[in-house]
């Protein structure tokens, strides 16, 4: 699933609008609420040059599989 509804923003860009900053993190709340392991990895680059992430989650106590999958996706990204 996506990490945020938009690409990353520049450092300090949203400091004056805390609601926008909160909404940028809204997709990552699910893993915390249900207590499952999750990881965000920067897999894509938007046409504006900023990264766009992908969030992976797995079942309870399956962190090793999650880390292996994330590592494999990052290696695939670097190879292409």
PDB file of N, CA and C in Angstrom:
ATOM      1  N   UNK A   1       0.831  -1.174   0.000  1.00  0.00           N
ATOM      2  CA  UNK A   1       0.000   0.000   0.000  1.00  0.00           C
ATOM      3  C   UNK A   1       0.882   1.245   0.000  1.00  0.00           C
ATOM      4  N   UNK A   2       0.332   2.386  -0.360  1.00  0.00           N
ATOM      5  CA  UNK A   2       1.154   3.598  -0.369  1.00  0.00           C
ATOM      6  C   UNK A   2       1.525   4.040   1.047  1.00  0.00           C
ATOM      7  N   UNK A   3       2.554   4.826   1.133  1.00  0.00           N
ATOM      8  CA  UNK A   3       2.990   5.382   2.420  1.00  0.00           C
ATOM      9  C   UNK A   3       2.252   6.683   2.710  1.00  0.00           C
ATOM     10  N   UNK A   4       2.056   7.478   1.680  1.00  0.00           N
ATOM     11  CA  UNK A   4       1.389   8.774   1.838  1.00  0.00           C
ATOM     12  C   UNK A   4       0.594   9.080   0.575  1.00  0.00           C
ATOM     13  N   UNK A   5      -0.322  10.043   0.665  1.00  0.00           N
ATOM     14  CA  UNK A   5      -1.127  10.381  -0.503  1.00  0.00           C
ATOM     15  C   UNK A   5      -0.387  11.203  -1.560  1.00  0.00           C
ATOM     16  N   UNK A   6       0.837  11.596  -1.269  1.00  0.00           N
ATOM     17  CA  UNK A   6       1.616  12.383  -2.224  1.00  0.00           C
ATOM     18  C   UNK A   6       3.092  12.006  -2.097  1.00  0.00           C
ATOM     19  N   UNK A   7       3.896  12.616  -2.924  1.00  0.00           N
ATOM     20  CA  UNK A   7       5.327  12.368  -2.825  1.00  0.00           C
ATOM     21  C   UNK A   7       5.881  13.045  -1.575  1.00  0.00           C
ATOM     22  N   UNK A   8       7.138  12.779  -1.293  1.00  0.00           N
ATOM     23  CA  UNK A   8       7.796  13.439  -0.158  1.00  0.00           C
ATOM     24  C   UNK A   8       7.789  14.943  -0.390  1.00  0.00           C
ATOM     25  N   UNK A   9       7.821  15.688   0.685  1.00  0.00           N
ATOM     26  CA  UNK A   9       7.908  17.133   0.552  1.00  0.00           C
ATOM     27  C   UNK A   9       9.254  17.598   1.080  1.00  0.00           C
ATOM     28  N   UNK A  10       9.641  18.766   0.652  1.00  0.00           N
ATOM     29  CA  UNK A  10      10.944  19.294   1.050  1.00  0.00           C
ATOM     30  C   UNK A  10      10.968  19.593   2.543  1.00  0.00           C
ATOM     31  N   UNK A  11      12.127  19.471   3.150  1.00  0.00           N
ATOM     32  CA  UNK A  11      12.289  19.710   4.585  1.00  0.00           C
ATOM     33  C   UNK A  11      11.810  21.113   4.930  1.00  0.00           C
ATOM     34  N   UNK A  12      10.927  21.179   5.930  1.00  0.00           N
ATOM     35  CA  UNK A  12      10.409  22.451   6.397  1.00  0.00           C
ATOM     36  C   UNK A  12       9.232  23.002   5.605  1.00  0.00           C
ATOM     37  N   UNK A  13       8.886  22.365   4.499  1.00  0.00           N
ATOM     38  CA  UNK A  13       7.836  22.871   3.621  1.00  0.00           C
ATOM     39  C   UNK A  13       6.458  22.906   4.293  1.00  0.00           C
ATOM     40  N   UNK A  14       6.168  21.962   5.154  1.00  0.00           N
ATOM     41  CA  UNK A  14       4.832  21.863   5.761  1.00  0.00           C
ATOM     42  C   UNK A  14       4.824  22.257   7.234  1.00  0.00           C
ATOM     43  N   UNK A  15       5.876  22.874   7.727  1.00  0.00           N
ATOM     44  CA  UNK A  15       5.948  23.241   9.148  1.00  0.00           C
ATOM     45  C   UNK A  15       4.801  24.139   9.591  1.00  0.00           C
ATOM     46  N   UNK A  16       4.299  24.962   8.717  1.00  0.00           N
ATOM     47  CA  UNK A  16       3.238  25.898   9.102  1.00  0.00           C
ATOM     48  C   UNK A  16       1.850  25.277   9.041  1.00  0.00           C
ATOM     49  N   UNK A  17       1.746  24.036   8.548  1.00  0.00           N
ATOM     50  CA  UNK A  17       0.444  23.391   8.429  1.00  0.00           C
ATOM     51  C   UNK A  17       0.492  21.987   9.038  1.00  0.00           C
ATOM     52  N   UNK A  18       0.272  21.862  10.335  1.00  0.00           N
ATOM     53  CA  UNK A  18       0.365  20.558  10.988  1.00  0.00           C
ATOM     54  C   UNK A  18      -0.679  19.551  10.500  1.00  0.00           C
ATOM     55  N   UNK A  19      -1.817  20.028  10.023  1.00  0.00           N
ATOM     56  CA  UNK A  19      -2.834  19.093   9.515  1.00  0.00           C
ATOM     57  C   UNK A  19      -2.342  18.422   8.238  1.00  0.00           C
ATOM     58  N   UNK A  20      -1.706  19.156   7.368  1.00  0.00           N
ATOM     59  CA  UNK A  20      -1.135  18.560   6.156  1.00  0.00           C
ATOM     60  C   UNK A  20      -0.053  17.544   6.505  1.00  0.00           C
ATOM     61  N   UNK A  21       0.753  17.853   7.512  1.00  0.00           N
ATOM     62  CA  UNK A  21       1.794  16.911   7.942  1.00  0.00           C
ATOM     63  C   UNK A  21       1.148  15.647   8.507  1.00  0.00           C
ATOM     64  N   UNK A  22       0.087  15.788   9.293  1.00  0.00           N
ATOM     65  CA  UNK A  22      -0.626  14.639   9.844  1.00  0.00           C
ATOM     66  C   UNK A  22      -1.211  13.786   8.720  1.00  0.00           C
ATOM     67  N   UNK A  23      -1.850  14.415   7.743  1.00  0.00           N
ATOM     68  CA  UNK A  23      -2.462  13.669   6.645  1.00  0.00           C
ATOM     69  C   UNK A  23      -1.420  12.935   5.796  1.00  0.00           C
ATOM     70  N   UNK A  24      -0.210  13.462   5.749  1.00  0.00           N
ATOM     71  CA  UNK A  24       0.850  12.786   4.999  1.00  0.00           C
ATOM     72  C   UNK A  24       1.226  11.463   5.651  1.00  0.00           C
ATOM     73  N   UNK A  25       0.978  11.318   6.951  1.00  0.00           N
ATOM     74  CA  UNK A  25       1.312  10.092   7.678  1.00  0.00           C
ATOM     75  C   UNK A  25       0.121   9.166   7.895  1.00  0.00           C
ATOM     76  N   UNK A  26      -1.036   9.534   7.398  1.00  0.00           N
ATOM     77  CA  UNK A  26      -2.267   8.815   7.732  1.00  0.00           C
ATOM     78  C   UNK A  26      -2.228   7.342   7.308  1.00  0.00           C
ATOM     79  N   UNK A  27      -1.597   7.010   6.203  1.00  0.00           N
ATOM     80  CA  UNK A  27      -1.580   5.621   5.733  1.00  0.00           C
ATOM     81  C   UNK A  27      -0.698   4.717   6.596  1.00  0.00           C
ATOM     82  N   UNK A  28       0.210   5.290   7.357  1.00  0.00           N
ATOM     83  CA  UNK A  28       1.107   4.464   8.174  1.00  0.00           C
ATOM     84  C   UNK A  28       0.521   4.121   9.539  1.00  0.00           C
ATOM     85  N   UNK A  29      -0.622   4.689   9.861  1.00  0.00           N
ATOM     86  CA  UNK A  29      -1.238   4.469  11.174  1.00  0.00           C
ATOM     87  C   UNK A  29      -1.784   3.047  11.322  1.00  0.00           C
ATOM     88  N   UNK A  30      -2.259   2.455  10.247  1.00  0.00           N
ATOM     89  CA  UNK A  30      -2.906   1.146  10.309  1.00  0.00           C
ATOM     90  C   UNK A  30      -2.037   0.089  10.990  1.00  0.00           C
ATOM     91  N   UNK A  31      -0.777  -0.008  10.594  1.00  0.00           N
ATOM     92  CA  UNK A  31       0.110  -1.019  11.190  1.00  0.00           C
ATOM     93  C   UNK A  31       0.235  -0.816  12.698  1.00  0.00           C
ATOM     94  N   UNK A  32       0.302   0.424  13.129  1.00  0.00           N
ATOM     95  CA  UNK A  32       0.402   0.702  14.562  1.00  0.00           C
ATOM     96  C   UNK A  32      -0.880   0.351  15.303  1.00  0.00           C
ATOM     97  N   UNK A  33      -2.010   0.638  14.701  1.00  0.00           N
ATOM     98  CA  UNK A  33      -3.287   0.360  15.359  1.00  0.00           C
ATOM     99  C   UNK A  33      -3.536  -1.128  15.568  1.00  0.00           C
ATOM    100  N   UNK A  34      -3.181  -1.939  14.582  1.00  0.00           N
ATOM    101  CA  UNK A  34      -3.422  -3.378  14.696  1.00  0.00           C
ATOM    102  C   UNK A  34      -2.210  -4.139  15.224  1.00  0.00           C
ATOM    103  N   UNK A  35      -1.096  -3.469  15.363  1.00  0.00           N
ATOM    104  CA  UNK A  35       0.088  -4.078  15.962  1.00  0.00           C
ATOM    105  C   UNK A  35       0.830  -5.055  15.078  1.00  0.00           C
ATOM    106  N   UNK A  36       0.843  -4.798  13.771  1.00  0.00           N
ATOM    107  CA  UNK A  36       1.590  -5.666  12.862  1.00  0.00           C
ATOM    108  C   UNK A  36       2.866  -4.965  12.419  1.00  0.00           C
ATOM    109  N   UNK A  37       3.872  -5.737  12.040  1.00  0.00           N
ATOM    110  CA  UNK A  37       5.107  -5.131  11.545  1.00  0.00           C
ATOM    111  C   UNK A  37       4.877  -4.461  10.191  1.00  0.00           C
ATOM    112  N   UNK A  38       5.478  -3.321  10.008  1.00  0.00           N
ATOM    113  CA  UNK A  38       5.389  -2.606   8.741  1.00  0.00           C
ATOM    114  C   UNK A  38       6.701  -1.905   8.449  1.00  0.00           C
ATOM    115  N   UNK A  39       6.943  -1.699   7.170  1.00  0.00           N
ATOM    116  CA  UNK A  39       8.159  -1.000   6.750  1.00  0.00           C
ATOM    117  C   UNK A  39       7.831  -0.174   5.513  1.00  0.00           C
ATOM    118  N   UNK A  40       8.443   0.964   5.414  1.00  0.00           N
ATOM    119  CA  UNK A  40       8.283   1.835   4.259  1.00  0.00           C
ATOM    120  C   UNK A  40       9.599   1.852   3.496  1.00  0.00           C
ATOM    121  N   UNK A  41       9.521   1.625   2.197  1.00  0.00           N
ATOM    122  CA  UNK A  41      10.738   1.642   1.389  1.00  0.00           C
ATOM    123  C   UNK A  41      10.535   2.581   0.198  1.00  0.00           C
ATOM    124  N   UNK A  42      11.539   3.380  -0.132  1.00  0.00           N
ATOM    125  CA  UNK A  42      11.429   4.306  -1.265  1.00  0.00           C
ATOM    126  C   UNK A  42      11.714   3.575  -2.578  1.00  0.00           C
ATOM    127  N   UNK A  43      10.673   3.142  -3.257  1.00  0.00           N
ATOM    128  CA  UNK A  43      10.875   2.356  -4.469  1.00  0.00           C
ATOM    129  C   UNK A  43      10.804   3.161  -5.750  1.00  0.00           C
ATOM    130  N   UNK A  44      10.069   4.238  -5.741  1.00  0.00           N
ATOM    131  CA  UNK A  44       9.815   4.959  -6.979  1.00  0.00           C
ATOM    132  C   UNK A  44      10.282   6.398  -6.863  1.00  0.00           C
ATOM    133  N   UNK A  45      10.446   7.020  -8.019  1.00  0.00           N
ATOM    134  CA  UNK A  45      10.775   8.445  -8.035  1.00  0.00           C
ATOM    135  C   UNK A  45       9.747   9.140  -8.920  1.00  0.00           C
ATOM    136  N   UNK A  46       9.116  10.144  -8.377  1.00  0.00           N
ATOM    137  CA  UNK A  46       8.101  10.904  -9.096  1.00  0.00           C
ATOM    138  C   UNK A  46       8.778  11.798 -10.132  1.00  0.00           C
ATOM    139  N   UNK A  47       8.008  12.284 -11.074  1.00  0.00           N
ATOM    140  CA  UNK A  47       8.569  13.169 -12.098  1.00  0.00           C
ATOM    141  C   UNK A  47       9.116  14.468 -11.508  1.00  0.00           C
ATOM    142  N   UNK A  48       8.697  14.812 -10.275  1.00  0.00           N
ATOM    143  CA  UNK A  48       9.244  16.014  -9.629  1.00  0.00           C
ATOM    144  C   UNK A  48      10.585  15.742  -8.950  1.00  0.00           C
ATOM    145  N   UNK A  49      11.079  14.509  -9.067  1.00  0.00           N
ATOM    146  CA  UNK A  49      12.385  14.157  -8.524  1.00  0.00           C
ATOM    147  C   UNK A  49      12.372  13.684  -7.087  1.00  0.00           C
ATOM    148  N   UNK A  50      11.207  13.729  -6.429  1.00  0.00           N
ATOM    149  CA  UNK A  50      11.114  13.319  -5.032  1.00  0.00           C
ATOM    150  C   UNK A  50      10.675  11.866  -4.926  1.00  0.00           C
ATOM    151  N   UNK A  51      11.093  11.181  -3.869  1.00  0.00           N
ATOM    152  CA  UNK A  51      10.774   9.752  -3.740  1.00  0.00           C
ATOM    153  C   UNK A  51       9.311   9.515  -3.398  1.00  0.00           C
ATOM    154  N   UNK A  52       8.849   8.359  -3.802  1.00  0.00           N
ATOM    155  CA  UNK A  52       7.508   7.890  -3.493  1.00  0.00           C
ATOM    156  C   UNK A  52       7.658   6.490  -2.927  1.00  0.00           C
ATOM    157  N   UNK A  53       7.146   6.264  -1.738  1.00  0.00           N
ATOM    158  CA  UNK A  53       7.390   5.007  -1.043  1.00  0.00           C
ATOM    159  C   UNK A  53       6.275   4.000  -1.156  1.00  0.00           C
ATOM    160  N   UNK A  54       6.628   2.782  -0.827  1.00  0.00           N
ATOM    161  CA  UNK A  54       5.707   1.661  -0.760  1.00  0.00           C
ATOM    162  C   UNK A  54       5.773   1.114   0.654  1.00  0.00           C
ATOM    163  N   UNK A  55       4.621   0.837   1.234  1.00  0.00           N
ATOM    164  CA  UNK A  55       4.567   0.325   2.599  1.00  0.00           C
ATOM    165  C   UNK A  55       4.189  -1.152   2.564  1.00  0.00           C
ATOM    166  N   UNK A  56       4.963  -1.945   3.254  1.00  0.00           N
ATOM    167  CA  UNK A  56       4.704  -3.381   3.346  1.00  0.00           C
ATOM    168  C   UNK A  56       4.337  -3.722   4.777  1.00  0.00           C
ATOM    169  N   UNK A  57       3.417  -4.665   4.922  1.00  0.00           N
ATOM    170  CA  UNK A  57       3.029  -5.146   6.251  1.00  0.00           C
ATOM    171  C   UNK A  57       2.927  -6.663   6.205  1.00  0.00           C
ATOM    172  N   UNK A  58       3.060  -7.265   7.356  1.00  0.00           N
ATOM    173  CA  UNK A  58       2.943  -8.718   7.447  1.00  0.00           C
ATOM    174  C   UNK A  58       2.198  -9.077   8.727  1.00  0.00           C
ATOM    175  N   UNK A  59       2.013 -10.358   8.935  1.00  0.00           N
ATOM    176  CA  UNK A  59       1.290 -10.804  10.134  1.00  0.00           C
ATOM    177  C   UNK A  59       2.156 -10.626  11.376  1.00  0.00           C
ATOM    178  N   UNK A  60       1.529 -10.777  12.507  1.00  0.00           N
ATOM    179  CA  UNK A  60       2.231 -10.639  13.792  1.00  0.00           C
ATOM    180  C   UNK A  60       3.452 -11.564  13.850  1.00  0.00           C
ATOM    181  N   UNK A  61       4.537 -11.052  14.380  1.00  0.00           N
ATOM    182  CA  UNK A  61       5.770 -11.803  14.641  1.00  0.00           C
ATOM    183  C   UNK A  61       6.405 -12.396  13.382  1.00  0.00           C
ATOM    184  N   UNK A  62       6.225 -11.740  12.243  1.00  0.00           N
ATOM    185  CA  UNK A  62       6.824 -12.226  10.995  1.00  0.00           C
ATOM    186  C   UNK A  62       7.762 -11.170  10.407  1.00  0.00           C
ATOM    187  N   UNK A  63       8.520 -10.536  11.281  1.00  0.00           N
ATOM    188  CA  UNK A  63       9.416  -9.473  10.857  1.00  0.00           C
ATOM    189  C   UNK A  63      10.494  -9.947   9.893  1.00  0.00           C
ATOM    190  N   UNK A  64      10.980 -11.159  10.071  1.00  0.00           N
ATOM    191  CA  UNK A  64      12.059 -11.657   9.217  1.00  0.00           C
ATOM    192  C   UNK A  64      11.601 -11.722   7.762  1.00  0.00           C
ATOM    193  N   UNK A  65      10.397 -12.240   7.520  1.00  0.00           N
ATOM    194  CA  UNK A  65       9.871 -12.291   6.149  1.00  0.00           C
ATOM    195  C   UNK A  65       9.700 -10.894   5.574  1.00  0.00           C
ATOM    196  N   UNK A  66       9.246  -9.978   6.397  1.00  0.00           N
ATOM    197  CA  UNK A  66       9.052  -8.599   5.957  1.00  0.00           C
ATOM    198  C   UNK A  66      10.381  -7.969   5.546  1.00  0.00           C
ATOM    199  N   UNK A  67      11.402  -8.161   6.350  1.00  0.00           N
ATOM    200  CA  UNK A  67      12.713  -7.599   6.027  1.00  0.00           C
ATOM    201  C   UNK A  67      13.323  -8.246   4.791  1.00  0.00           C
ATOM    202  N   UNK A  68      13.107  -9.542   4.616  1.00  0.00           N
ATOM    203  CA  UNK A  68      13.612 -10.219   3.409  1.00  0.00           C
ATOM    204  C   UNK A  68      12.932  -9.677   2.155  1.00  0.00           C
ATOM    205  N   UNK A  69      11.614  -9.504   2.223  1.00  0.00           N
ATOM    206  CA  UNK A  69      10.888  -8.971   1.078  1.00  0.00           C
ATOM    207  C   UNK A  69      11.343  -7.550   0.755  1.00  0.00           C
ATOM    208  N   UNK A  70      11.455  -6.712   1.766  1.00  0.00           N
ATOM    209  CA  UNK A  70      11.901  -5.334   1.553  1.00  0.00           C
ATOM    210  C   UNK A  70      13.305  -5.303   0.941  1.00  0.00           C
ATOM    211  N   UNK A  71      14.185  -6.128   1.443  1.00  0.00           N
ATOM    212  CA  UNK A  71      15.544  -6.197   0.914  1.00  0.00           C
ATOM    213  C   UNK A  71      15.529  -6.648  -0.549  1.00  0.00           C
ATOM    214  N   UNK A  72      14.724  -7.651  -0.865  1.00  0.00           N
ATOM    215  CA  UNK A  72      14.628  -8.122  -2.243  1.00  0.00           C
ATOM    216  C   UNK A  72      14.096  -7.063  -3.181  1.00  0.00           C
ATOM    217  N   UNK A  73      13.095  -6.314  -2.754  1.00  0.00           N
ATOM    218  CA  UNK A  73      12.551  -5.246  -3.589  1.00  0.00           C
ATOM    219  C   UNK A  73      13.574  -4.136  -3.807  1.00  0.00           C
ATOM    220  N   UNK A  74      14.312  -3.800  -2.759  1.00  0.00           N
ATOM    221  CA  UNK A  74      15.334  -2.755  -2.909  1.00  0.00           C
ATOM    222  C   UNK A  74      16.452  -3.200  -3.837  1.00  0.00           C
ATOM    223  N   UNK A  75      16.847  -4.474  -3.757  1.00  0.00           N
ATOM    224  CA  UNK A  75      17.887  -4.983  -4.662  1.00  0.00           C
ATOM    225  C   UNK A  75      17.395  -4.985  -6.104  1.00  0.00           C
ATOM    226  N   UNK A  76      16.122  -5.343  -6.317  1.00  0.00           N
ATOM    227  CA  UNK A  76      15.540  -5.334  -7.654  1.00  0.00           C
ATOM    228  C   UNK A  76      15.513  -3.920  -8.213  1.00  0.00           C
ATOM    229  N   UNK A  77      15.183  -2.974  -7.366  1.00  0.00           N
ATOM    230  CA  UNK A  77      15.134  -1.566  -7.779  1.00  0.00           C
ATOM    231  C   UNK A  77      16.510  -1.079  -8.220  1.00  0.00           C
ATOM    232  N   UNK A  78      17.535  -1.433  -7.446  1.00  0.00           N
ATOM    233  CA  UNK A  78      18.883  -0.976  -7.760  1.00  0.00           C
ATOM    234  C   UNK A  78      19.437  -1.646  -9.019  1.00  0.00           C
ATOM    235  N   UNK A  79      18.967  -2.868  -9.312  1.00  0.00           N
ATOM    236  CA  UNK A  79      19.451  -3.591 -10.484  1.00  0.00           C
ATOM    237  C   UNK A  79      18.861  -3.028 -11.785  1.00  0.00           C
ATOM    238  N   UNK A  80      17.700  -2.386 -11.690  1.00  0.00           N
ATOM    239  CA  UNK A  80      17.067  -1.887 -12.919  1.00  0.00           C
ATOM    240  C   UNK A  80      17.468  -0.484 -13.258  1.00  0.00           C
TER     241      UNK A  80
END
